[in-house]
Amino acid sequence: ISAFIKIVLDKYDKDVKAMPLSNNIVHRRLDEMYQHIEIKLFEKHKTRKFAVQIDESNL
């Protein structure tokens, strides 16, 4: 990440280095993003109607 910042966003390099990027913080943030996406997808599909078709080979 820091290499990308240095190349692409050199003026923000110091700001990024000041951010806490410990394993726990990154893991927690990824979990929060996953939960947010999961909730949004569930809400989006909850309002849609769909049908499931099965035959004997699926049983």
N, C-alpha and C. Protein backbone atom coordinates (compact mmCIF):
# COMPACT_ATOMS: atom_id res chain seq x y z
N ILE A 1 0.83 -1.19 0.00
CA ILE A 1 0.00 0.00 0.00
C ILE A 1 0.87 1.25 0.00
N SER A 2 1.87 1.26 0.84
CA SER A 2 2.69 2.47 0.93
C SER A 2 3.47 2.73 -0.36
N ALA A 3 3.86 1.66 -1.09
CA ALA A 3 4.54 1.86 -2.37
C ALA A 3 3.60 2.51 -3.38
N PHE A 4 2.36 2.07 -3.41
CA PHE A 4 1.36 2.67 -4.30
C PHE A 4 1.17 4.14 -3.96
N ILE A 5 1.03 4.43 -2.69
CA ILE A 5 0.83 5.81 -2.25
C ILE A 5 2.01 6.67 -2.65
N LYS A 6 3.21 6.14 -2.48
CA LYS A 6 4.41 6.91 -2.80
C LYS A 6 4.48 7.23 -4.28
N ILE A 7 4.11 6.27 -5.13
CA ILE A 7 4.18 6.48 -6.57
C ILE A 7 3.03 7.35 -7.06
N VAL A 8 1.82 7.00 -6.68
CA VAL A 8 0.63 7.65 -7.23
C VAL A 8 0.24 8.91 -6.45
N LEU A 9 0.29 8.84 -5.17
CA LEU A 9 -0.18 9.94 -4.34
C LEU A 9 0.91 10.45 -3.42
N ASP A 10 2.02 10.84 -3.99
CA ASP A 10 3.20 11.21 -3.21
C ASP A 10 2.91 12.28 -2.16
N LYS A 11 2.04 13.22 -2.47
CA LYS A 11 1.78 14.29 -1.51
C LYS A 11 1.02 13.80 -0.28
N TYR A 12 0.39 12.62 -0.35
CA TYR A 12 -0.35 12.07 0.78
C TYR A 12 0.45 11.02 1.55
N ASP A 13 1.68 10.79 1.17
CA ASP A 13 2.50 9.75 1.77
C ASP A 13 2.61 9.90 3.28
N LYS A 14 2.84 11.10 3.76
CA LYS A 14 2.97 11.33 5.21
C LYS A 14 1.67 11.04 5.94
N ASP A 15 0.54 11.41 5.32
CA ASP A 15 -0.77 11.15 5.94
C ASP A 15 -1.02 9.66 6.08
N VAL A 16 -0.66 8.91 5.06
CA VAL A 16 -0.87 7.46 5.09
C VAL A 16 0.03 6.81 6.13
N LYS A 17 1.25 7.26 6.23
CA LYS A 17 2.17 6.70 7.23
C LYS A 17 1.68 6.98 8.65
N ALA A 18 0.93 8.05 8.83
CA ALA A 18 0.41 8.39 10.15
C ALA A 18 -0.81 7.55 10.53
N MET A 19 -1.42 6.89 9.56
CA MET A 19 -2.59 6.05 9.84
C MET A 19 -2.17 4.76 10.53
N PRO A 20 -2.93 4.36 11.54
CA PRO A 20 -2.62 3.08 12.18
C PRO A 20 -3.08 1.93 11.27
N LEU A 21 -2.16 1.09 10.86
CA LEU A 21 -2.48 -0.02 9.97
C LEU A 21 -2.09 -1.35 10.60
N SER A 22 -2.39 -1.52 11.87
CA SER A 22 -2.08 -2.79 12.51
C SER A 22 -2.98 -3.88 11.95
N ASN A 23 -2.59 -5.10 12.15
CA ASN A 23 -3.36 -6.24 11.65
C ASN A 23 -4.78 -6.22 12.19
N ASN A 24 -4.95 -5.90 13.47
CA ASN A 24 -6.28 -5.86 14.08
C ASN A 24 -7.17 -4.79 13.46
N ILE A 25 -6.60 -3.63 13.21
CA ILE A 25 -7.38 -2.53 12.62
C ILE A 25 -7.82 -2.89 11.21
N VAL A 26 -6.90 -3.41 10.41
CA VAL A 26 -7.23 -3.80 9.03
C VAL A 26 -8.26 -4.91 9.04
N HIS A 27 -8.08 -5.90 9.91
CA HIS A 27 -9.03 -7.01 9.99
C HIS A 27 -10.42 -6.52 10.39
N ARG A 28 -10.48 -5.65 11.37
CA ARG A 28 -11.77 -5.13 11.82
C ARG A 28 -12.44 -4.33 10.71
N ARG A 29 -11.67 -3.53 10.00
CA ARG A 29 -12.24 -2.72 8.91
C ARG A 29 -12.75 -3.61 7.78
N LEU A 30 -12.02 -4.65 7.45
CA LEU A 30 -12.48 -5.58 6.41
C LEU A 30 -13.76 -6.28 6.85
N ASP A 31 -13.84 -6.66 8.12
CA ASP A 31 -15.07 -7.27 8.64
C ASP A 31 -16.25 -6.31 8.54
N GLU A 32 -16.02 -5.05 8.89
CA GLU A 32 -17.08 -4.05 8.81
C GLU A 32 -17.55 -3.87 7.37
N MET A 33 -16.62 -3.84 6.43
CA MET A 33 -16.98 -3.69 5.02
C MET A 33 -17.76 -4.91 4.54
N TYR A 34 -17.33 -6.10 4.94
CA TYR A 34 -18.03 -7.32 4.55
C TYR A 34 -19.46 -7.33 5.08
N GLN A 35 -19.63 -6.97 6.34
CA GLN A 35 -20.96 -6.93 6.94
C GLN A 35 -21.85 -5.91 6.24
N HIS A 36 -21.30 -4.77 5.90
CA HIS A 36 -22.07 -3.74 5.21
C HIS A 36 -22.53 -4.24 3.84
N ILE A 37 -21.64 -4.86 3.10
CA ILE A 37 -21.98 -5.41 1.78
C ILE A 37 -23.03 -6.50 1.92
N GLU A 38 -22.86 -7.37 2.90
CA GLU A 38 -23.81 -8.46 3.12
C GLU A 38 -25.21 -7.91 3.42
N ILE A 39 -25.29 -6.91 4.27
CA ILE A 39 -26.58 -6.30 4.61
C ILE A 39 -27.21 -5.66 3.38
N LYS A 40 -26.42 -4.91 2.62
CA LYS A 40 -26.95 -4.25 1.43
C LYS A 40 -27.45 -5.26 0.41
N LEU A 41 -26.70 -6.33 0.19
CA LEU A 41 -27.14 -7.36 -0.75
C LEU A 41 -28.41 -8.03 -0.28
N PHE A 42 -28.49 -8.33 1.01
CA PHE A 42 -29.69 -8.96 1.56
C PHE A 42 -30.90 -8.05 1.39
N GLU A 43 -30.74 -6.77 1.70
CA GLU A 43 -31.84 -5.82 1.56
C GLU A 43 -32.28 -5.70 0.10
N LYS A 44 -31.32 -5.69 -0.80
CA LYS A 44 -31.63 -5.55 -2.22
C LYS A 44 -32.42 -6.75 -2.73
N HIS A 45 -32.02 -7.94 -2.33
CA HIS A 45 -32.66 -9.15 -2.83
C HIS A 45 -33.91 -9.53 -2.03
N LYS A 46 -34.07 -8.97 -0.86
CA LYS A 46 -35.24 -9.26 -0.04
C LYS A 46 -36.51 -8.74 -0.72
N THR A 47 -36.40 -7.66 -1.44
CA THR A 47 -37.57 -7.05 -2.07
C THR A 47 -37.86 -7.61 -3.46
N ARG A 48 -36.97 -8.41 -4.00
CA ARG A 48 -37.17 -8.98 -5.33
C ARG A 48 -37.86 -10.32 -5.24
N LYS A 49 -38.67 -10.59 -6.24
CA LYS A 49 -39.34 -11.88 -6.32
C LYS A 49 -38.54 -12.79 -7.25
N PHE A 50 -38.42 -14.04 -6.85
CA PHE A 50 -37.72 -15.01 -7.68
C PHE A 50 -38.33 -16.37 -7.44
N ALA A 51 -38.03 -17.28 -8.33
CA ALA A 51 -38.56 -18.64 -8.23
C ALA A 51 -37.41 -19.63 -8.34
N VAL A 52 -37.56 -20.75 -7.67
CA VAL A 52 -36.58 -21.82 -7.73
C VAL A 52 -37.25 -23.01 -8.38
N GLN A 53 -36.61 -23.54 -9.40
CA GLN A 53 -37.17 -24.70 -10.10
C GLN A 53 -36.21 -25.86 -9.91
N ILE A 54 -36.74 -26.99 -9.45
CA ILE A 54 -35.92 -28.18 -9.27
C ILE A 54 -36.60 -29.35 -9.96
N ASP A 55 -35.80 -30.34 -10.26
CA ASP A 55 -36.36 -31.58 -10.79
C ASP A 55 -35.80 -32.74 -9.98
N GLU A 56 -36.11 -33.95 -10.37
CA GLU A 56 -35.72 -35.12 -9.58
C GLU A 56 -34.20 -35.25 -9.43
N SER A 57 -33.45 -34.81 -10.41
CA SER A 57 -32.00 -34.95 -10.34
C SER A 57 -31.39 -34.06 -9.25
N ASN A 58 -32.11 -33.06 -8.81
CA ASN A 58 -31.61 -32.17 -7.76
C ASN A 58 -31.93 -32.70 -6.36
N LEU A 59 -32.79 -33.70 -6.28
CA LEU A 59 -33.21 -34.19 -4.97
C LEU A 59 -32.32 -35.23 -4.43
